[in-house]
Amino acid sequence: MKKAVKEKSKKYKTFVTVKNTIGWFLVVLLGIAMVIIVVTRINGETPTVFGYTIFRVTTGSMEPELHVGDIILDKSVEESEIKVGDIISYDGSGSLDGMVITHKVIKAPYKDDNGNTMLQTQGVANDTPDHPIKISQVKAKFVAKIPLVNSLYNLFLSPWGLVIFLLLIILIFLDELINFIRVLTGNAKPKADINDIIKRLQEEERLEKEKKKSSEIDDPKMKKIDDVYNHIVKDDSDKK
């Protein structure tokens, strides 16, 4: 009995430890992501983590390869890694100043008459090539589309994203939150010591055995008393 209780207690403690570890990891990860996104958005920049950037397609210039609303993952690359056929995201200029354009490379990096490294792009759905851009305007190269993330992406960047973040923290640490509220309200229950639990279970087991034993002893006695009573009643009846 004592061994079984200790084993259950050990498993429960392991479960709580694993749950709290995973919970804190998710909280830290989400916290870092939110800080990066908020800070970079305030500064008018694009969030980048370990060289990877997430963009959202807002026009149909790359259809049918990329559709409006697609979330794409780009990676920062060196000039030598860009070649014809690659899809790149770059800072627009002129009438597109302040925008990030995602188009396909149709002319690999080359030197112009002024010694600047240039390249040329074009949207798959467009009839004419884009104006040549400087290599320094390139932000990253397309790696892959991230399906079914558009709604989550918009939600995460909205005020509701903060609400969901807080709800996740509450759900992960619900039991700790309940205990904290009990402490504040003075209704905290003292934690039961493992030895106390073992003693209580042993006492319950002992009482159960005594009850069973008593039942086994009492039954024959009661039967014997009934037999004597019935015998006396029968004798009285015969005498009459």
Protein backbone atom coordinates (compact mmCIF):
# COMPACT_ATOMS: atom_id res chain seq x y z
CA MET A 1 0.00 0.00 0.00
CA LYS A 2 2.70 2.47 1.05
CA LYS A 3 4.75 1.68 -2.05
CA ALA A 4 1.75 2.12 -4.34
CA VAL A 5 0.88 5.51 -2.83
CA LYS A 6 4.47 6.71 -3.16
CA GLU A 7 4.50 5.56 -6.80
CA LYS A 8 1.30 7.49 -7.56
CA SER A 9 2.65 10.56 -5.79
CA LYS A 10 5.88 10.37 -7.80
CA LYS A 11 3.96 10.11 -11.09
CA TYR A 12 1.78 13.09 -10.15
CA LYS A 13 4.81 15.23 -9.28
CA THR A 14 6.45 14.25 -12.59
CA PHE A 15 3.28 15.21 -14.48
CA VAL A 16 3.12 18.61 -12.74
CA THR A 17 6.82 19.26 -13.45
CA VAL A 18 6.47 18.40 -17.14
CA LYS A 19 3.28 20.49 -17.47
CA ASN A 20 4.88 23.52 -15.84
CA THR A 21 8.05 23.17 -17.96
CA ILE A 22 6.05 23.04 -21.19
CA GLY A 23 3.87 25.90 -19.99
CA TRP A 24 6.78 28.18 -19.18
CA PHE A 25 8.46 27.30 -22.49
CA LEU A 26 5.32 28.29 -24.42
CA VAL A 27 4.92 31.47 -22.39
CA VAL A 28 8.53 32.53 -22.99
CA LEU A 29 8.32 31.64 -26.69
CA LEU A 30 5.07 33.54 -27.23
CA GLY A 31 6.36 36.45 -25.16
CA ILE A 32 9.53 36.77 -27.25
CA ALA A 33 7.52 36.51 -30.47
CA MET A 34 5.10 39.22 -29.37
CA VAL A 35 7.91 41.56 -28.26
CA ILE A 36 9.74 41.13 -31.56
CA ILE A 37 6.58 41.72 -33.59
CA VAL A 38 5.45 44.76 -31.58
CA VAL A 39 8.88 46.43 -31.54
CA THR A 40 9.54 45.88 -35.24
CA ARG A 41 6.05 47.04 -36.19
CA ILE A 42 6.48 50.22 -34.13
CA ASN A 43 9.78 50.89 -35.91
CA GLY A 44 8.13 50.26 -39.29
CA GLU A 45 10.26 47.17 -39.94
CA THR A 46 9.47 43.54 -40.75
CA PRO A 47 9.85 40.97 -37.95
CA THR A 48 12.85 38.67 -38.57
CA VAL A 49 13.92 35.71 -36.44
CA PHE A 50 17.19 33.87 -37.18
CA GLY A 51 17.21 35.31 -40.69
CA TYR A 52 13.67 34.15 -41.49
CA THR A 53 10.84 36.56 -42.21
CA ILE A 54 7.11 36.08 -42.67
CA PHE A 55 5.30 38.10 -45.33
CA ARG A 56 1.66 38.23 -46.38
CA VAL A 57 0.78 38.49 -50.08
CA THR A 58 -1.58 41.42 -50.61
CA THR A 59 -1.88 41.59 -54.42
CA GLY A 60 -2.47 39.15 -57.26
CA SER A 61 0.71 39.95 -59.20
CA MET A 62 2.19 36.50 -58.48
CA GLU A 63 -0.90 34.39 -59.23
CA PRO A 64 -1.25 31.49 -59.73
CA GLU A 65 1.98 30.74 -57.80
CA LEU A 66 1.10 32.99 -54.87
CA HIS A 67 -2.42 34.12 -54.07
CA VAL A 68 -3.75 37.10 -52.14
CA GLY A 69 -3.71 36.25 -48.44
CA ASP A 70 -0.96 33.62 -48.68
CA ILE A 71 1.56 33.68 -45.84
CA ILE A 72 5.09 33.05 -47.10
CA LEU A 73 8.36 32.32 -45.34
CA ASP A 74 11.48 34.10 -46.69
CA LYS A 75 15.13 33.77 -45.72
CA SER A 76 17.92 36.34 -45.87
CA VAL A 77 20.49 35.30 -48.49
CA GLU A 78 23.78 36.46 -49.96
CA GLU A 79 24.00 38.10 -53.40
CA SER A 80 25.58 34.97 -54.87
CA GLU A 81 22.57 32.86 -53.81
CA ILE A 82 20.11 34.79 -56.00
CA LYS A 83 19.48 33.40 -59.47
CA VAL A 84 16.93 33.57 -62.28
CA GLY A 85 13.65 31.93 -61.27
CA ASP A 86 13.96 32.74 -57.58
CA ILE A 87 11.13 34.60 -55.86
CA ILE A 88 12.43 37.45 -53.75
CA SER A 89 10.95 40.14 -51.51
CA TYR A 90 12.46 43.60 -51.81
CA ASP A 91 11.86 47.21 -50.80
CA GLY A 92 9.94 49.11 -53.44
CA SER A 93 11.05 52.50 -54.75
CA GLY A 94 9.46 55.45 -56.54
CA SER A 95 5.69 55.07 -56.47
CA LEU A 96 6.12 51.83 -54.49
CA ASP A 97 8.33 53.38 -51.83
CA GLY A 98 7.59 51.97 -48.36
CA MET A 99 6.14 48.74 -49.74
CA VAL A 100 7.65 45.25 -49.86
CA ILE A 101 7.34 43.64 -53.30
CA THR A 102 7.49 39.89 -53.86
CA HIS A 103 8.26 39.02 -57.48
CA LYS A 104 10.26 36.50 -59.50
CA VAL A 105 13.83 37.20 -60.68
CA ILE A 106 14.04 37.33 -64.49
CA LYS A 107 17.58 38.73 -64.73
CA ALA A 108 20.32 37.61 -62.35
CA PRO A 109 22.49 40.13 -60.47
CA TYR A 110 24.69 42.16 -62.79
CA LYS A 111 26.76 45.35 -62.75
CA ASP A 112 25.36 48.51 -64.37
CA ASP A 113 27.43 51.28 -65.94
CA ASN A 114 27.91 52.91 -62.53
CA GLY A 115 29.20 49.72 -60.93
CA ASN A 116 26.04 49.06 -58.95
CA THR A 117 24.87 45.45 -58.57
CA MET A 118 21.40 45.27 -60.05
CA LEU A 119 18.77 42.64 -60.87
CA GLN A 120 15.36 42.62 -62.49
CA THR A 121 12.07 41.05 -61.44
CA GLN A 122 8.57 40.56 -62.77
CA GLY A 123 5.24 39.46 -61.34
CA VAL A 124 4.01 36.17 -62.82
CA ALA A 125 0.64 37.74 -63.62
CA ASN A 126 2.17 40.98 -64.98
CA ASP A 127 2.79 41.62 -68.67
CA THR A 128 5.85 43.83 -68.24
CA PRO A 129 9.07 43.48 -66.20
CA ASP A 130 9.69 45.64 -63.14
CA HIS A 131 12.21 48.44 -63.13
CA PRO A 132 15.70 47.09 -62.25
CA ILE A 133 16.50 47.27 -58.53
CA LYS A 134 19.70 47.43 -56.53
CA ILE A 135 20.81 44.27 -54.76
CA SER A 136 20.74 46.23 -51.52
CA GLN A 137 16.94 46.49 -51.82
CA VAL A 138 16.54 42.72 -51.53
CA LYS A 139 15.24 41.66 -48.11
CA ALA A 140 14.96 37.88 -48.47
CA LYS A 141 14.32 34.95 -50.80
CA PHE A 142 11.14 32.90 -50.85
CA VAL A 143 11.40 29.54 -49.07
CA ALA A 144 7.86 28.19 -48.78
CA LYS A 145 4.20 28.98 -48.32
CA ILE A 146 2.73 28.46 -44.84
CA PRO A 147 -0.80 27.10 -45.39
CA LEU A 148 -3.80 27.85 -43.16
CA VAL A 149 -1.96 30.55 -41.23
CA ASN A 150 -3.55 33.67 -42.70
CA SER A 151 -6.33 33.85 -40.10
CA LEU A 152 -3.93 33.09 -37.23
CA TYR A 153 -1.46 35.68 -38.50
CA ASN A 154 -4.12 38.39 -38.63
CA LEU A 155 -5.46 37.37 -35.23
CA PHE A 156 -2.03 37.37 -33.61
CA LEU A 157 -1.38 40.92 -34.79
CA SER A 158 -4.77 42.14 -33.58
CA PRO A 159 -5.86 43.20 -30.06
CA TRP A 160 -7.48 39.78 -29.71
CA GLY A 161 -4.01 38.26 -29.96
CA LEU A 162 -3.15 39.69 -26.54
CA VAL A 163 -6.40 38.33 -25.08
CA ILE A 164 -5.68 34.83 -26.42
CA PHE A 165 -2.11 35.04 -25.11
CA LEU A 166 -3.41 35.84 -21.61
CA LEU A 167 -6.02 33.06 -21.79
CA LEU A 168 -3.31 30.54 -22.71
CA ILE A 169 -1.31 31.57 -19.64
CA ILE A 170 -4.39 31.21 -17.44
CA LEU A 171 -5.22 27.74 -18.81
CA ILE A 172 -1.66 26.50 -18.46
CA PHE A 173 -1.32 27.65 -14.87
CA LEU A 174 -4.95 27.31 -13.79
CA ASP A 175 -4.21 25.17 -10.74
CA GLU A 176 -1.48 27.56 -9.54
CA LEU A 177 -3.83 30.49 -10.10
CA ILE A 178 -6.55 28.84 -7.99
CA ASN A 179 -4.08 28.23 -5.16
CA PHE A 180 -2.89 31.83 -5.38
CA ILE A 181 -6.47 33.13 -5.10
CA ARG A 182 -7.08 30.86 -2.10
CA VAL A 183 -3.99 32.25 -0.38
CA LEU A 184 -5.12 35.83 -1.01
CA THR A 185 -8.61 35.11 0.32
CA GLY A 186 -7.31 33.16 3.33
CA ASN A 187 -8.89 29.91 2.19
CA ALA A 188 -5.69 28.11 1.34
CA LYS A 189 -5.70 24.45 2.22
CA PRO A 190 -2.53 23.06 3.80
CA LYS A 191 -0.69 20.64 1.58
CA ALA A 192 -1.07 17.08 2.78
CA ASP A 193 2.18 15.38 3.69
CA ILE A 194 2.79 12.07 1.93
CA ASN A 195 3.22 10.32 5.30
CA ASP A 196 -0.15 11.63 6.46
CA ILE A 197 -1.78 10.31 3.30
CA ILE A 198 -0.19 6.89 3.82
CA LYS A 199 -1.28 6.77 7.48
CA ARG A 200 -4.85 7.72 6.56
CA LEU A 201 -5.04 5.04 3.88
CA GLN A 202 -3.59 2.45 6.25
CA GLU A 203 -6.09 3.40 8.95
CA GLU A 204 -8.98 3.13 6.49
CA GLU A 205 -7.70 -0.27 5.41
CA ARG A 206 -7.43 -1.42 9.06
CA LEU A 207 -10.97 -0.28 9.87
CA GLU A 208 -12.28 -2.04 6.80
CA LYS A 209 -10.60 -5.29 7.84
CA GLU A 210 -11.94 -5.01 11.39
CA LYS A 211 -15.44 -4.38 10.09
CA LYS A 212 -15.24 -7.39 7.82
CA LYS A 213 -13.83 -9.57 10.61
CA SER A 214 -16.52 -8.42 13.03
CA SER A 215 -19.17 -9.25 10.48
CA GLU A 216 -17.77 -12.76 10.06
CA ILE A 217 -17.78 -13.33 13.86
CA ASP A 218 -21.21 -11.88 14.54
CA ASP A 219 -23.08 -13.84 11.91
CA PRO A 220 -22.56 -17.31 13.52
CA LYS A 221 -23.44 -15.95 16.98
CA MET A 222 -26.67 -14.47 15.75
CA LYS A 223 -27.53 -17.74 14.03
CA LYS A 224 -26.90 -19.70 17.23
CA ILE A 225 -29.12 -17.34 19.27
CA ASP A 226 -31.90 -17.72 16.71
CA ASP A 227 -31.62 -21.52 16.92
CA VAL A 228 -31.90 -21.49 20.75
CA TYR A 229 -34.87 -19.16 20.61
CA ASN A 230 -36.64 -21.30 18.04
CA HIS A 231 -35.95 -24.43 20.13
CA ILE A 232 -37.47 -22.84 23.29
CA VAL A 233 -40.54 -21.69 21.37
CA LYS A 234 -40.99 -25.17 19.95
CA ASP A 235 -40.75 -26.83 23.41
CA ASP A 236 -43.36 -24.49 24.85
CA SER A 237 -45.66 -25.31 21.98
CA ASP A 238 -45.26 -29.06 22.51
CA LYS A 239 -46.08 -28.76 26.23
CA LYS A 240 -49.28 -26.98 25.47
